[in-house]
PDB file of N, CA and C in Angstrom:
ATOM      1  N   MET A   1       0.308   8.218   1.182  1.00  0.00           N
ATOM      2  CA  MET A   1       1.348   7.344   1.390  1.00  0.00           C
ATOM      3  C   MET A   1       2.741   8.186   1.612  1.00  0.00           C
ATOM      4  N   LEU A   2       2.417   9.140   2.465  1.00  0.00           N
ATOM      5  CA  LEU A   2       3.605   9.850   2.825  1.00  0.00           C
ATOM      6  C   LEU A   2       4.840   9.154   3.346  1.00  0.00           C
ATOM      7  N   ASN A   3       4.600   8.086   4.241  1.00  0.00           N
ATOM      8  CA  ASN A   3       5.494   7.378   5.010  1.00  0.00           C
ATOM      9  C   ASN A   3       6.446   6.360   3.911  1.00  0.00           C
ATOM     10  N   THR A   4       5.891   6.249   2.742  1.00  0.00           N
ATOM     11  CA  THR A   4       6.623   5.321   1.848  1.00  0.00           C
ATOM     12  C   THR A   4       7.598   6.222   1.134  1.00  0.00           C
ATOM     13  N   ASN A   5       7.860   7.407   1.362  1.00  0.00           N
ATOM     14  CA  ASN A   5       9.005   8.225   0.660  1.00  0.00           C
ATOM     15  C   ASN A   5       9.800   8.874   1.622  1.00  0.00           C
ATOM     16  N   GLN A   6      10.187   8.414   2.629  1.00  0.00           N
ATOM     17  CA  GLN A   6      11.081   8.920   3.684  1.00  0.00           C
ATOM     18  C   GLN A   6      12.506   8.803   3.236  1.00  0.00           C
ATOM     19  N   ALA A   7      13.227   9.773   3.594  1.00  0.00           N
ATOM     20  CA  ALA A   7      14.853   9.583   3.378  1.00  0.00           C
ATOM     21  C   ALA A   7      15.491   9.172   4.569  1.00  0.00           C
ATOM     22  N   ASN A   8      16.527   8.468   4.239  1.00  0.00           N
ATOM     23  CA  ASN A   8      17.598   8.177   5.527  1.00  0.00           C
ATOM     24  C   ASN A   8      18.124   9.510   6.049  1.00  0.00           C
ATOM     25  N   PRO A   9      17.946   9.395   7.326  1.00  0.00           N
ATOM     26  CA  PRO A   9      18.431  10.824   7.944  1.00  0.00           C
ATOM     27  C   PRO A   9      19.985  10.816   7.890  1.00  0.00           C
ATOM     28  N   VAL A  10      20.679   9.680   7.936  1.00  0.00           N
ATOM     29  CA  VAL A  10      21.968   9.677   7.816  1.00  0.00           C
ATOM     30  C   VAL A  10      22.390   9.037   6.451  1.00  0.00           C
ATOM     31  N   PRO A  11      22.548   9.757   5.309  1.00  0.00           N
ATOM     32  CA  PRO A  11      22.676   9.112   4.089  1.00  0.00           C
ATOM     33  C   PRO A  11      23.890   8.056   4.149  1.00  0.00           C
ATOM     34  N   GLY A  12      23.533   7.034   3.508  1.00  0.00           N
ATOM     35  CA  GLY A  12      24.619   5.965   3.485  1.00  0.00           C
ATOM     36  C   GLY A  12      24.656   5.097   4.528  1.00  0.00           C
ATOM     37  N   ASP A  13      24.002   5.465   5.550  1.00  0.00           N
ATOM     38  CA  ASP A  13      23.914   4.503   6.669  1.00  0.00           C
ATOM     39  C   ASP A  13      23.096   3.332   6.454  1.00  0.00           C
ATOM     40  N   PRO A  14      23.516   1.992   6.502  1.00  0.00           N
ATOM     41  CA  PRO A  14      22.790   0.867   6.030  1.00  0.00           C
ATOM     42  C   PRO A  14      21.700   0.644   6.970  1.00  0.00           C
ATOM     43  N   THR A  15      21.878   0.924   8.396  1.00  0.00           N
ATOM     44  CA  THR A  15      20.849   0.733   9.414  1.00  0.00           C
ATOM     45  C   THR A  15      19.715   1.740   9.108  1.00  0.00           C
ATOM     46  N   GLY A  16      19.957   2.990   8.766  1.00  0.00           N
ATOM     47  CA  GLY A  16      19.120   3.815   8.435  1.00  0.00           C
ATOM     48  C   GLY A  16      18.294   3.410   7.049  1.00  0.00           C
ATOM     49  N   ASP A  17      18.999   2.949   6.049  1.00  0.00           N
ATOM     50  CA  ASP A  17      18.313   2.495   4.782  1.00  0.00           C
ATOM     51  C   ASP A  17      17.430   1.441   5.134  1.00  0.00           C
ATOM     52  N   LEU A  18      17.869   0.395   6.143  1.00  0.00           N
ATOM     53  CA  LEU A  18      16.813  -0.580   6.346  1.00  0.00           C
ATOM     54  C   LEU A  18      15.758  -0.054   7.144  1.00  0.00           C
ATOM     55  N   ALA A  19      16.002   0.783   8.080  1.00  0.00           N
ATOM     56  CA  ALA A  19      14.781   1.186   8.793  1.00  0.00           C
ATOM     57  C   ALA A  19      13.719   2.004   7.976  1.00  0.00           C
ATOM     58  N   VAL A  20      14.309   2.929   7.100  1.00  0.00           N
ATOM     59  CA  VAL A  20      13.381   3.567   6.084  1.00  0.00           C
ATOM     60  C   VAL A  20      12.560   2.534   5.236  1.00  0.00           C
ATOM     61  N   ALA A  21      13.168   1.516   4.854  1.00  0.00           N
ATOM     62  CA  ALA A  21      12.645   0.611   4.010  1.00  0.00           C
ATOM     63  C   ALA A  21      11.445  -0.171   4.645  1.00  0.00           C
ATOM     64  N   ALA A  22      11.748  -0.586   6.066  1.00  0.00           N
ATOM     65  CA  ALA A  22      10.805  -1.292   6.829  1.00  0.00           C
ATOM     66  C   ALA A  22       9.703  -0.353   7.005  1.00  0.00           C
ATOM     67  N   ASN A  23       9.825   0.980   7.447  1.00  0.00           N
ATOM     68  CA  ASN A  23       8.779   1.895   7.732  1.00  0.00           C
ATOM     69  C   ASN A  23       7.969   1.910   6.491  1.00  0.00           C
ATOM     70  N   ALA A  24       8.391   1.995   5.376  1.00  0.00           N
ATOM     71  CA  ALA A  24       7.620   2.230   4.018  1.00  0.00           C
ATOM     72  C   ALA A  24       6.796   1.016   3.800  1.00  0.00           C
ATOM     73  N   ARG A  25       7.333  -0.211   4.188  1.00  0.00           N
ATOM     74  CA  ARG A  25       6.605  -1.461   3.976  1.00  0.00           C
ATOM     75  C   ARG A  25       5.340  -1.721   4.819  1.00  0.00           C
ATOM     76  N   LEU A  26       5.691  -1.209   6.238  1.00  0.00           N
ATOM     77  CA  LEU A  26       4.826  -1.319   7.149  1.00  0.00           C
ATOM     78  C   LEU A  26       3.641  -0.143   6.981  1.00  0.00           C
ATOM     79  N   ALA A  27       4.065   1.044   6.415  1.00  0.00           N
ATOM     80  CA  ALA A  27       3.091   1.872   6.167  1.00  0.00           C
ATOM     81  C   ALA A  27       2.097   1.434   4.895  1.00  0.00           C
ATOM     82  N   LEU A  28       2.597   0.818   4.014  1.00  0.00           N
ATOM     83  CA  LEU A  28       1.695   0.220   2.966  1.00  0.00           C
ATOM     84  C   LEU A  28       0.858  -0.757   3.630  1.00  0.00           C
ATOM     85  N   TYR A  29       1.307  -1.851   4.378  1.00  0.00           N
ATOM     86  CA  TYR A  29       0.431  -2.727   4.919  1.00  0.00           C
ATOM     87  C   TYR A  29      -0.653  -2.137   5.884  1.00  0.00           C
ATOM     88  N   SER A  30      -0.156  -1.250   6.561  1.00  0.00           N
ATOM     89  CA  SER A  30      -1.150  -0.442   7.495  1.00  0.00           C
ATOM     90  C   SER A  30      -2.141   0.259   6.834  1.00  0.00           C
ATOM     91  N   GLY A  31      -1.802   0.854   5.783  1.00  0.00           N
ATOM     92  CA  GLY A  31      -2.878   1.545   4.821  1.00  0.00           C
ATOM     93  C   GLY A  31      -3.988   0.731   4.242  1.00  0.00           C
ATOM     94  N   GLY A  32      -3.499  -0.406   3.891  1.00  0.00           N
ATOM     95  CA  GLY A  32      -4.411  -1.514   3.509  1.00  0.00           C
ATOM     96  C   GLY A  32      -5.329  -1.865   4.644  1.00  0.00           C
ATOM     97  N   ASP A  33      -4.857  -2.262   5.742  1.00  0.00           N
ATOM     98  CA  ASP A  33      -5.452  -2.524   6.862  1.00  0.00           C
ATOM     99  C   ASP A  33      -6.517  -1.496   7.188  1.00  0.00           C
ATOM    100  N   TYR A  34      -6.234  -0.326   7.256  1.00  0.00           N
ATOM    101  CA  TYR A  34      -6.936   0.765   7.612  1.00  0.00           C
ATOM    102  C   TYR A  34      -8.290   0.792   6.640  1.00  0.00           C
ATOM    103  N   LEU A  35      -7.853   0.882   5.363  1.00  0.00           N
ATOM    104  CA  LEU A  35      -9.026   0.762   4.459  1.00  0.00           C
ATOM    105  C   LEU A  35      -9.873  -0.388   4.729  1.00  0.00           C
ATOM    106  N   LEU A  36      -9.596  -1.447   4.908  1.00  0.00           N
ATOM    107  CA  LEU A  36     -10.515  -2.786   5.128  1.00  0.00           C
ATOM    108  C   LEU A  36     -11.226  -2.488   6.422  1.00  0.00           C
ATOM    109  N   ARG A  37     -10.802  -1.925   7.368  1.00  0.00           N
ATOM    110  CA  ARG A  37     -11.490  -1.837   8.549  1.00  0.00           C
ATOM    111  C   ARG A  37     -12.441  -0.726   8.324  1.00  0.00           C
ATOM    112  N   ARG A  38     -12.105   0.608   7.748  1.00  0.00           N
ATOM    113  CA  ARG A  38     -13.069   1.312   7.298  1.00  0.00           C
ATOM    114  C   ARG A  38     -14.284   0.856   6.565  1.00  0.00           C
ATOM    115  N   LEU A  39     -14.036   0.068   5.781  1.00  0.00           N
ATOM    116  CA  LEU A  39     -15.111  -0.653   4.786  1.00  0.00           C
ATOM    117  C   LEU A  39     -16.012  -1.527   5.863  1.00  0.00           C
ATOM    118  N   THR A  40     -15.333  -2.236   6.753  1.00  0.00           N
ATOM    119  CA  THR A  40     -16.278  -2.841   7.737  1.00  0.00           C
ATOM    120  C   THR A  40     -17.058  -1.982   8.590  1.00  0.00           C
ATOM    121  N   ALA A  41     -16.497  -0.909   8.997  1.00  0.00           N
ATOM    122  CA  ALA A  41     -17.185   0.076   9.874  1.00  0.00           C
ATOM    123  C   ALA A  41     -18.154   0.892   8.992  1.00  0.00           C
ATOM    124  N   GLU A  42     -18.258   0.876   7.756  1.00  0.00           N
ATOM    125  CA  GLU A  42     -19.195   1.622   6.908  1.00  0.00           C
ATOM    126  C   GLU A  42     -19.960   0.620   6.023  1.00  0.00           C
ATOM    127  N   PRO A  43     -20.712  -0.203   6.390  1.00  0.00           N
ATOM    128  CA  PRO A  43     -21.466  -1.242   5.535  1.00  0.00           C
ATOM    129  C   PRO A  43     -22.396  -0.480   4.464  1.00  0.00           C
ATOM    130  N   ALA A  44     -22.636   0.772   4.750  1.00  0.00           N
ATOM    131  CA  ALA A  44     -23.531   1.391   3.525  1.00  0.00           C
ATOM    132  C   ALA A  44     -22.731   1.863   2.427  1.00  0.00           C
ATOM    133  N   THR A  45     -21.402   1.718   2.256  1.00  0.00           N
ATOM    134  CA  THR A  45     -20.565   2.045   1.421  1.00  0.00           C
ATOM    135  C   THR A  45     -21.119   1.499   0.094  1.00  0.00           C
ATOM    136  N   PRO A  46     -21.376   2.412  -0.958  1.00  0.00           N
ATOM    137  CA  PRO A  46     -21.810   1.856  -2.299  1.00  0.00           C
ATOM    138  C   PRO A  46     -20.834   0.742  -2.866  1.00  0.00           C
ATOM    139  N   ALA A  47     -21.534  -0.339  -3.517  1.00  0.00           N
ATOM    140  CA  ALA A  47     -20.863  -1.303  -3.871  1.00  0.00           C
ATOM    141  C   ALA A  47     -19.701  -1.094  -4.775  1.00  0.00           C
ATOM    142  N   GLU A  48     -19.755  -0.225  -5.815  1.00  0.00           N
ATOM    143  CA  GLU A  48     -18.696   0.226  -6.748  1.00  0.00           C
ATOM    144  C   GLU A  48     -17.540   0.719  -5.949  1.00  0.00           C
ATOM    145  N   LEU A  49     -17.794   1.636  -4.888  1.00  0.00           N
ATOM    146  CA  LEU A  49     -16.671   2.032  -4.156  1.00  0.00           C
ATOM    147  C   LEU A  49     -16.192   0.996  -3.199  1.00  0.00           C
ATOM    148  N   ARG A  50     -16.927   0.246  -2.683  1.00  0.00           N
ATOM    149  CA  ARG A  50     -16.461  -0.791  -1.722  1.00  0.00           C
ATOM    150  C   ARG A  50     -15.662  -1.729  -2.361  1.00  0.00           C
ATOM    151  N   ASP A  51     -15.988  -2.146  -3.502  1.00  0.00           N
ATOM    152  CA  ASP A  51     -15.099  -3.106  -4.373  1.00  0.00           C
ATOM    153  C   ASP A  51     -13.694  -2.590  -4.660  1.00  0.00           C
ATOM    154  N   ALA A  52     -13.791  -1.270  -5.098  1.00  0.00           N
ATOM    155  CA  ALA A  52     -12.595  -0.566  -5.679  1.00  0.00           C
ATOM    156  C   ALA A  52     -11.617  -0.470  -4.532  1.00  0.00           C
ATOM    157  N   VAL A  53     -12.106   0.009  -3.351  1.00  0.00           N
ATOM    158  CA  VAL A  53     -11.419   0.158  -2.148  1.00  0.00           C
ATOM    159  C   VAL A  53     -10.831  -1.171  -1.408  1.00  0.00           C
ATOM    160  N   ARG A  54     -11.664  -2.210  -1.719  1.00  0.00           N
ATOM    161  CA  ARG A  54     -11.144  -3.483  -1.083  1.00  0.00           C
ATOM    162  C   ARG A  54      -9.948  -3.968  -1.968  1.00  0.00           C
ATOM    163  N   SER A  55     -10.109  -3.734  -3.313  1.00  0.00           N
ATOM    164  CA  SER A  55      -9.179  -4.025  -4.246  1.00  0.00           C
ATOM    165  C   SER A  55      -7.829  -3.385  -3.919  1.00  0.00           C
ATOM    166  N   LEU A  56      -7.952  -1.984  -3.655  1.00  0.00           N
ATOM    167  CA  LEU A  56      -6.903  -1.193  -3.486  1.00  0.00           C
ATOM    168  C   LEU A  56      -6.162  -1.654  -2.160  1.00  0.00           C
ATOM    169  N   ALA A  57      -6.933  -1.979  -1.118  1.00  0.00           N
ATOM    170  CA  ALA A  57      -6.463  -2.329   0.266  1.00  0.00           C
ATOM    171  C   ALA A  57      -5.619  -3.628   0.077  1.00  0.00           C
ATOM    172  N   ASN A  58      -6.163  -4.699  -0.620  1.00  0.00           N
ATOM    173  CA  ASN A  58      -5.606  -5.743  -0.913  1.00  0.00           C
ATOM    174  C   ASN A  58      -4.289  -5.671  -1.659  1.00  0.00           C
ATOM    175  N   ALA A  59      -4.196  -4.928  -2.621  1.00  0.00           N
ATOM    176  CA  ALA A  59      -3.057  -4.525  -3.372  1.00  0.00           C
ATOM    177  C   ALA A  59      -1.891  -3.871  -2.476  1.00  0.00           C
ATOM    178  N   LEU A  60      -2.388  -3.066  -1.576  1.00  0.00           N
ATOM    179  CA  LEU A  60      -1.338  -2.404  -0.857  1.00  0.00           C
ATOM    180  C   LEU A  60      -0.835  -3.442   0.167  1.00  0.00           C
ATOM    181  N   GLN A  61      -1.607  -4.486   0.715  1.00  0.00           N
ATOM    182  CA  GLN A  61      -1.082  -5.318   1.651  1.00  0.00           C
ATOM    183  C   GLN A  61      -0.260  -6.518   0.872  1.00  0.00           C
ATOM    184  N   GLU A  62      -0.637  -6.899  -0.230  1.00  0.00           N
ATOM    185  CA  GLU A  62       0.113  -7.911  -0.993  1.00  0.00           C
ATOM    186  C   GLU A  62       1.515  -7.371  -1.441  1.00  0.00           C
ATOM    187  N   LEU A  63       1.474  -6.075  -1.846  1.00  0.00           N
ATOM    188  CA  LEU A  63       2.683  -5.450  -2.096  1.00  0.00           C
ATOM    189  C   LEU A  63       3.749  -5.331  -0.813  1.00  0.00           C
ATOM    190  N   ALA A  64       3.148  -4.955   0.173  1.00  0.00           N
ATOM    191  CA  ALA A  64       3.950  -4.744   1.422  1.00  0.00           C
ATOM    192  C   ALA A  64       4.507  -6.316   1.717  1.00  0.00           C
ATOM    193  N   VAL A  65       3.765  -7.192   1.941  1.00  0.00           N
ATOM    194  CA  VAL A  65       4.172  -8.640   2.087  1.00  0.00           C
ATOM    195  C   VAL A  65       5.198  -9.124   1.336  1.00  0.00           C
ATOM    196  N   ASN A  66       4.977  -8.667   0.200  1.00  0.00           N
ATOM    197  CA  ASN A  66       6.231  -9.145  -0.770  1.00  0.00           C
ATOM    198  C   ASN A  66       7.473  -8.388  -0.720  1.00  0.00           C
ATOM    199  N   TYR A  67       7.309  -7.146  -0.482  1.00  0.00           N
ATOM    200  CA  TYR A  67       8.508  -6.432  -0.126  1.00  0.00           C
ATOM    201  C   TYR A  67       9.288  -6.842   1.139  1.00  0.00           C
ATOM    202  N   LEU A  68       8.499  -7.070   2.176  1.00  0.00           N
ATOM    203  CA  LEU A  68       9.016  -7.551   3.469  1.00  0.00           C
ATOM    204  C   LEU A  68       9.656  -8.938   3.112  1.00  0.00           C
ATOM    205  N   ALA A  69       9.089  -9.771   2.200  1.00  0.00           N
ATOM    206  CA  ALA A  69       9.660 -11.186   2.063  1.00  0.00           C
ATOM    207  C   ALA A  69      10.920 -11.013   1.183  1.00  0.00           C
ATOM    208  N   GLY A  70      11.211  -9.845   0.591  1.00  0.00           N
ATOM    209  CA  GLY A  70      12.269  -9.608  -0.354  1.00  0.00           C
ATOM    210  C   GLY A  70      12.059 -10.297  -1.706  1.00  0.00           C
ATOM    211  N   ALA A  71      10.819 -10.082  -2.004  1.00  0.00           N
ATOM    212  CA  ALA A  71      10.476 -10.742  -3.322  1.00  0.00           C
ATOM    213  C   ALA A  71      11.179  -9.945  -4.448  1.00  0.00           C
ATOM    214  N   PRO A  72      11.436 -10.887  -5.610  1.00  0.00           N
ATOM    215  CA  PRO A  72      12.251 -10.094  -6.723  1.00  0.00           C
ATOM    216  C   PRO A  72      11.260  -9.178  -7.605  1.00  0.00           C
ATOM    217  N   ASP A  73      11.977  -8.308  -8.436  1.00  0.00           N
ATOM    218  CA  ASP A  73      11.285  -7.333  -9.202  1.00  0.00           C
ATOM    219  C   ASP A  73      10.057  -8.013  -9.954  1.00  0.00           C
ATOM    220  N   SER A  74      10.420  -9.186 -10.722  1.00  0.00           N
ATOM    221  CA  SER A  74       9.438  -9.741 -11.353  1.00  0.00           C
ATOM    222  C   SER A  74       8.173 -10.248 -10.640  1.00  0.00           C
ATOM    223  N   VAL A  75       8.164 -10.160  -9.303  1.00  0.00           N
ATOM    224  CA  VAL A  75       7.024 -10.321  -8.447  1.00  0.00           C
ATOM    225  C   VAL A  75       6.401  -9.098  -8.277  1.00  0.00           C
ATOM    226  N   VAL A  76       7.216  -8.214  -7.710  1.00  0.00           N
ATOM    227  CA  VAL A  76       6.730  -6.817  -7.109  1.00  0.00           C
ATOM    228  C   VAL A  76       6.304  -5.827  -8.217  1.00  0.00           C
ATOM    229  N   THR A  77       6.949  -5.972  -9.405  1.00  0.00           N
ATOM    230  CA  THR A  77       6.579  -4.971 -10.435  1.00  0.00           C
ATOM    231  C   THR A  77       4.924  -5.219 -10.944  1.00  0.00           C
ATOM    232  N   PRO A  78       4.559  -6.251 -11.129  1.00  0.00           N
ATOM    233  CA  PRO A  78       3.100  -6.410 -11.498  1.00  0.00           C
ATOM    234  C   PRO A  78       2.140  -5.891 -10.286  1.00  0.00           C
ATOM    235  N   LEU A  79       2.631  -6.093  -9.075  1.00  0.00           N
ATOM    236  CA  LEU A  79       1.890  -5.698  -7.834  1.00  0.00           C
ATOM    237  C   LEU A  79       1.802  -4.022  -7.807  1.00  0.00           C
ATOM    238  N   ARG A  80       2.928  -3.493  -8.129  1.00  0.00           N
ATOM    239  CA  ARG A  80       2.966  -1.875  -8.154  1.00  0.00           C
ATOM    240  C   ARG A  80       2.132  -1.603  -9.042  1.00  0.00           C
ATOM    241  N   LEU A  81       2.066  -2.356 -10.429  1.00  0.00           N
ATOM    242  CA  LEU A  81       1.264  -1.879 -11.341  1.00  0.00           C
ATOM    243  C   LEU A  81      -0.229  -1.973 -10.900  1.00  0.00           C
ATOM    244  N   ALA A  82      -0.577  -3.159 -10.338  1.00  0.00           N
ATOM    245  CA  ALA A  82      -1.969  -3.202  -9.945  1.00  0.00           C
ATOM    246  C   ALA A  82      -2.438  -2.377  -8.906  1.00  0.00           C
ATOM    247  N   LEU A  83      -1.448  -1.792  -7.947  1.00  0.00           N
ATOM    248  CA  LEU A  83      -1.681  -0.684  -6.898  1.00  0.00           C
ATOM    249  C   LEU A  83      -2.038   0.492  -7.730  1.00  0.00           C
ATOM    250  N   GLU A  84      -1.061   0.856  -8.620  1.00  0.00           N
ATOM    251  CA  GLU A  84      -1.463   2.159  -9.553  1.00  0.00           C
ATOM    252  C   GLU A  84      -2.870   2.035 -10.123  1.00  0.00           C
ATOM    253  N   ARG A  85      -3.283   0.857 -10.779  1.00  0.00           N
ATOM    254  CA  ARG A  85      -4.423   0.731 -11.473  1.00  0.00           C
ATOM    255  C   ARG A  85      -5.528   0.873 -10.434  1.00  0.00           C
ATOM    256  N   ASP A  86      -5.348   0.362  -9.258  1.00  0.00           N
ATOM    257  CA  ASP A  86      -6.532   0.266  -8.137  1.00  0.00           C
ATOM    258  C   ASP A  86      -6.682   1.862  -7.652  1.00  0.00           C
ATOM    259  N   THR A  87      -5.571   2.410  -7.444  1.00  0.00           N
ATOM    260  CA  THR A  87      -5.490   3.842  -7.161  1.00  0.00           C
ATOM    261  C   THR A  87      -6.301   4.648  -7.937  1.00  0.00           C
ATOM    262  N   ARG A  88      -6.083   4.488  -9.435  1.00  0.00           N
ATOM    263  CA  ARG A  88      -6.741   5.210 -10.336  1.00  0.00           C
ATOM    264  C   ARG A  88      -8.155   4.848 -10.366  1.00  0.00           C
ATOM    265  N   ALA A  89      -8.477   3.725  -9.977  1.00  0.00           N
ATOM    266  CA  ALA A  89     -10.051   3.346 -10.054  1.00  0.00           C
ATOM    267  C   ALA A  89     -10.745   3.961  -8.802  1.00  0.00           C
ATOM    268  N   VAL A  90     -10.132   4.061  -7.686  1.00  0.00           N
ATOM    269  CA  VAL A  90     -10.760   4.743  -6.653  1.00  0.00           C
ATOM    270  C   VAL A  90     -10.883   6.067  -6.732  1.00  0.00           C
ATOM    271  N   ASP A  91      -9.867   6.884  -7.209  1.00  0.00           N
ATOM    272  CA  ASP A  91      -9.866   8.385  -7.275  1.00  0.00           C
ATOM    273  C   ASP A  91     -11.266   8.908  -7.684  1.00  0.00           C
ATOM    274  N   PRO A  92     -11.674   8.593  -8.884  1.00  0.00           N
ATOM    275  CA  PRO A  92     -12.927   9.250  -9.464  1.00  0.00           C
ATOM    276  C   PRO A  92     -14.223   8.926  -8.688  1.00  0.00           C
ATOM    277  N   LEU A  93     -14.014   7.853  -7.878  1.00  0.00           N
ATOM    278  CA  LEU A  93     -15.351   7.421  -7.094  1.00  0.00           C
ATOM    279  C   LEU A  93     -15.400   8.212  -5.767  1.00  0.00           C
ATOM    280  N   CYS A  94     -14.382   9.094  -5.473  1.00  0.00           N
ATOM    281  CA  CYS A  94     -14.302   9.667  -4.116  1.00  0.00           C
ATOM    282  C   CYS A  94     -14.439  11.385  -4.387  1.00  0.00           C
ATOM    283  N   VAL A  95     -15.035  11.805  -5.422  1.00  0.00           N
ATOM    284  CA  VAL A  95     -15.166  13.258  -5.582  1.00  0.00           C
ATOM    285  C   VAL A  95     -16.531  13.597  -5.120  1.00  0.00           C
TER     286      VAL A  95
END
């Protein structure tokens, strides 16, 4: 998730801040889309890995959509925690 941690090239510039935030949100959504497409392209993916990756992809997209909608912290905090949980679930399955 490299693109979710970009810095504003002109510190304090509100347009740059908005562009960086939009880029991060789109990177989250696109990452989820990529994972879902890979699952479709790889039908022999073991069920445990498939389910974990699908949950991770859905968490990425749900978080991105809520960020784009300007959802409050009370909505996005549980989504961030779910994303962290799903990431931890996928990691050991990919070794």
